[in-house]
Amino acid sequence: MDGHVAWIIELAVKDGQLDTFEELMREMVEGTSAEPQTLAYEWYISGDSGTIHIFEKYADSEAMIAHVNGFLSKWAGRFMESVDITKFVVYGDPNPAAREILDGWRATYMGPWGGFSRFS
């Protein structure tokens, strides 16, 4: 495949935290939009506003590591105060350094097997 790393992270919003988390989401989207090697950063919310999915795709493991390092230094504390991670599925073949980071979130890895993507 092309070395891209992507994931979907599923989050459960903690009671009373939706408005706070929405403000954080806006800040994170704005900050992440400046990362040239972040290819996709899309947030989705369930009809009852209790579950959030974030789809992220990076050009390669190094771009993913740069994003995660920024997340940890700027947003991780407030993020984890507002939500619980319920599922974290990684797509692609992250390098060992990236896997070491992702393993901390109990990621499930899905390796490339077939198909195509129409975006970078």
C-alpha atoms as a PDB file:
ATOM      1  CA  MET A   1       0.000   0.000   0.000  1.00  0.00           C
ATOM      2  CA  ASP A   2       1.018   3.651   0.194  1.00  0.00           C
ATOM      3  CA  GLY A   3       2.155   4.032   3.793  1.00  0.00           C
ATOM      4  CA  HIS A   4      -0.906   5.978   4.921  1.00  0.00           C
ATOM      5  CA  VAL A   5      -2.077   5.509   8.489  1.00  0.00           C
ATOM      6  CA  ALA A   6      -5.743   6.032   9.328  1.00  0.00           C
ATOM      7  CA  TRP A   7      -8.053   5.333  12.217  1.00  0.00           C
ATOM      8  CA  ILE A   8     -11.519   5.595  13.564  1.00  0.00           C
ATOM      9  CA  ILE A   9     -11.790   6.335  17.246  1.00  0.00           C
ATOM     10  CA  GLU A  10     -15.125   5.909  18.997  1.00  0.00           C
ATOM     11  CA  LEU A  11     -15.828   8.071  22.022  1.00  0.00           C
ATOM     12  CA  ALA A  12     -18.553   8.099  24.677  1.00  0.00           C
ATOM     13  CA  VAL A  13     -19.340  11.607  25.874  1.00  0.00           C
ATOM     14  CA  LYS A  14     -19.291  11.908  29.664  1.00  0.00           C
ATOM     15  CA  ASP A  15     -22.404  13.288  31.349  1.00  0.00           C
ATOM     16  CA  GLY A  16     -22.630  17.063  31.083  1.00  0.00           C
ATOM     17  CA  GLN A  17     -19.532  17.356  28.872  1.00  0.00           C
ATOM     18  CA  LEU A  18     -20.983  17.769  25.368  1.00  0.00           C
ATOM     19  CA  ASP A  19     -20.800  21.584  25.236  1.00  0.00           C
ATOM     20  CA  THR A  20     -17.260  21.612  26.640  1.00  0.00           C
ATOM     21  CA  PHE A  21     -16.210  18.895  24.202  1.00  0.00           C
ATOM     22  CA  GLU A  22     -17.779  20.756  21.273  1.00  0.00           C
ATOM     23  CA  GLU A  23     -15.631  23.803  22.077  1.00  0.00           C
ATOM     24  CA  LEU A  24     -12.548  21.581  22.264  1.00  0.00           C
ATOM     25  CA  MET A  25     -13.485  19.913  18.962  1.00  0.00           C
ATOM     26  CA  ARG A  26     -13.596  23.281  17.214  1.00  0.00           C
ATOM     27  CA  GLU A  27     -10.170  24.183  18.617  1.00  0.00           C
ATOM     28  CA  MET A  28      -8.718  20.812  17.600  1.00  0.00           C
ATOM     29  CA  VAL A  29     -10.148  20.974  14.072  1.00  0.00           C
ATOM     30  CA  GLU A  30      -8.738  24.463  13.585  1.00  0.00           C
ATOM     31  CA  GLY A  31      -5.313  23.484  14.909  1.00  0.00           C
ATOM     32  CA  THR A  32      -5.167  20.225  12.972  1.00  0.00           C
ATOM     33  CA  SER A  33      -6.166  21.920   9.707  1.00  0.00           C
ATOM     34  CA  ALA A  34      -2.701  23.545   9.700  1.00  0.00           C
ATOM     35  CA  GLU A  35      -0.978  20.134   9.530  1.00  0.00           C
ATOM     36  CA  PRO A  36      -0.168  19.600   5.835  1.00  0.00           C
ATOM     37  CA  GLN A  37       0.305  15.830   6.141  1.00  0.00           C
ATOM     38  CA  THR A  38      -3.059  15.283   7.856  1.00  0.00           C
ATOM     39  CA  LEU A  39      -5.186  14.093   4.939  1.00  0.00           C
ATOM     40  CA  ALA A  40      -8.530  13.698   6.714  1.00  0.00           C
ATOM     41  CA  TYR A  41      -9.835  14.810  10.102  1.00  0.00           C
ATOM     42  CA  GLU A  42     -13.598  14.298  10.268  1.00  0.00           C
ATOM     43  CA  TRP A  43     -15.846  14.226  13.330  1.00  0.00           C
ATOM     44  CA  TYR A  44     -19.265  12.516  13.449  1.00  0.00           C
ATOM     45  CA  ILE A  45     -21.887  12.463  16.223  1.00  0.00           C
ATOM     46  CA  SER A  46     -24.795  10.093  16.894  1.00  0.00           C
ATOM     47  CA  GLY A  47     -28.397  11.290  16.918  1.00  0.00           C
ATOM     48  CA  ASP A  48     -28.517  11.139  20.716  1.00  0.00           C
ATOM     49  CA  SER A  49     -25.188  13.073  20.963  1.00  0.00           C
ATOM     50  CA  GLY A  50     -23.710  10.355  23.169  1.00  0.00           C
ATOM     51  CA  THR A  51     -21.268   8.761  20.733  1.00  0.00           C
ATOM     52  CA  ILE A  52     -18.637  10.453  18.586  1.00  0.00           C
ATOM     53  CA  HIS A  53     -16.482   8.955  15.855  1.00  0.00           C
ATOM     54  CA  ILE A  54     -13.355  10.689  14.617  1.00  0.00           C
ATOM     55  CA  PHE A  55     -11.874   9.571  11.291  1.00  0.00           C
ATOM     56  CA  GLU A  56      -8.250  10.563  10.812  1.00  0.00           C
ATOM     57  CA  LYS A  57      -5.862   9.810   7.948  1.00  0.00           C
ATOM     58  CA  TYR A  58      -2.183  10.727   7.763  1.00  0.00           C
ATOM     59  CA  ALA A  59       0.297  10.665   4.883  1.00  0.00           C
ATOM     60  CA  ASP A  60       2.562   8.320   6.838  1.00  0.00           C
ATOM     61  CA  SER A  61       3.603   7.258  10.326  1.00  0.00           C
ATOM     62  CA  GLU A  62       5.796  10.324  10.841  1.00  0.00           C
ATOM     63  CA  ALA A  63       2.855  12.651  10.108  1.00  0.00           C
ATOM     64  CA  MET A  64       0.713  10.647  12.520  1.00  0.00           C
ATOM     65  CA  ILE A  65       3.374  10.882  15.240  1.00  0.00           C
ATOM     66  CA  ALA A  66       3.655  14.656  14.737  1.00  0.00           C
ATOM     67  CA  HIS A  67      -0.117  15.006  15.109  1.00  0.00           C
ATOM     68  CA  VAL A  68      -0.274  12.829  18.217  1.00  0.00           C
ATOM     69  CA  ASN A  69       2.597  14.734  19.846  1.00  0.00           C
ATOM     70  CA  GLY A  70       0.709  17.986  19.235  1.00  0.00           C
ATOM     71  CA  PHE A  71      -2.488  16.431  20.607  1.00  0.00           C
ATOM     72  CA  LEU A  72      -0.709  15.266  23.751  1.00  0.00           C
ATOM     73  CA  SER A  73       0.849  18.662  24.417  1.00  0.00           C
ATOM     74  CA  LYS A  74      -2.226  20.806  23.641  1.00  0.00           C
ATOM     75  CA  TRP A  75      -5.470  18.895  24.074  1.00  0.00           C
ATOM     76  CA  ALA A  76      -5.170  15.446  25.676  1.00  0.00           C
ATOM     77  CA  GLY A  77      -6.042  16.489  29.231  1.00  0.00           C
ATOM     78  CA  ARG A  78      -9.254  18.289  28.312  1.00  0.00           C
ATOM     79  CA  PHE A  79     -10.108  15.571  25.785  1.00  0.00           C
ATOM     80  CA  MET A  80      -9.979  12.768  28.351  1.00  0.00           C
ATOM     81  CA  GLU A  81     -11.940  14.837  30.899  1.00  0.00           C
ATOM     82  CA  SER A  82     -14.845  14.977  28.433  1.00  0.00           C
ATOM     83  CA  VAL A  83     -14.957  11.524  26.829  1.00  0.00           C
ATOM     84  CA  ASP A  84     -14.047   7.875  27.239  1.00  0.00           C
ATOM     85  CA  ILE A  85     -12.434   5.969  24.370  1.00  0.00           C
ATOM     86  CA  THR A  86     -14.657   2.970  23.629  1.00  0.00           C
ATOM     87  CA  LYS A  87     -13.013   1.710  20.425  1.00  0.00           C
ATOM     88  CA  PHE A  88      -9.862   2.555  18.500  1.00  0.00           C
ATOM     89  CA  VAL A  89      -9.259   0.855  15.139  1.00  0.00           C
ATOM     90  CA  VAL A  90      -6.115   1.668  13.152  1.00  0.00           C
ATOM     91  CA  TYR A  91      -5.920   1.038   9.408  1.00  0.00           C
ATOM     92  CA  GLY A  92      -2.647   0.676   7.513  1.00  0.00           C
ATOM     93  CA  ASP A  93       0.793  -0.389   8.634  1.00  0.00           C
ATOM     94  CA  PRO A  94       2.158   2.105  11.162  1.00  0.00           C
ATOM     95  CA  ASN A  95       5.870   1.878  11.852  1.00  0.00           C
ATOM     96  CA  PRO A  96       7.147   0.577  15.229  1.00  0.00           C
ATOM     97  CA  ALA A  97       7.436   4.077  16.739  1.00  0.00           C
ATOM     98  CA  ALA A  98       3.824   4.845  15.782  1.00  0.00           C
ATOM     99  CA  ARG A  99       2.619   1.486  17.118  1.00  0.00           C
ATOM    100  CA  GLU A 100       4.317   2.145  20.431  1.00  0.00           C
ATOM    101  CA  ILE A 101       2.230   5.315  20.798  1.00  0.00           C
ATOM    102  CA  LEU A 102      -1.005   3.719  19.566  1.00  0.00           C
ATOM    103  CA  ASP A 103      -0.616   0.675  21.812  1.00  0.00           C
ATOM    104  CA  GLY A 104      -1.127   3.014  24.770  1.00  0.00           C
ATOM    105  CA  TRP A 105      -4.729   3.444  23.615  1.00  0.00           C
ATOM    106  CA  ARG A 106      -5.265  -0.307  23.156  1.00  0.00           C
ATOM    107  CA  ALA A 107      -5.565   0.050  19.398  1.00  0.00           C
ATOM    108  CA  THR A 108      -6.814  -2.759  17.186  1.00  0.00           C
ATOM    109  CA  TYR A 109      -4.783  -2.956  13.958  1.00  0.00           C
ATOM    110  CA  MET A 110      -6.223  -3.747  10.553  1.00  0.00           C
ATOM    111  CA  GLY A 111      -3.520  -4.264   7.920  1.00  0.00           C
ATOM    112  CA  PRO A 112      -3.886  -3.474   4.236  1.00  0.00           C
ATOM    113  CA  TRP A 113      -5.503  -6.248   2.262  1.00  0.00           C
ATOM    114  CA  GLY A 114      -7.064  -4.746  -0.869  1.00  0.00           C
ATOM    115  CA  GLY A 115      -9.070  -1.888  -2.308  1.00  0.00           C
ATOM    116  CA  PHE A 116      -8.232   1.699  -3.198  1.00  0.00           C
ATOM    117  CA  SER A 117      -8.634   5.272  -2.069  1.00  0.00           C
ATOM    118  CA  ARG A 118      -9.420   8.201  -4.347  1.00  0.00           C
ATOM    119  CA  PHE A 119      -7.856  10.821  -2.099  1.00  0.00           C
ATOM    120  CA  SER A 120      -4.205  11.373  -1.207  1.00  0.00           C
END
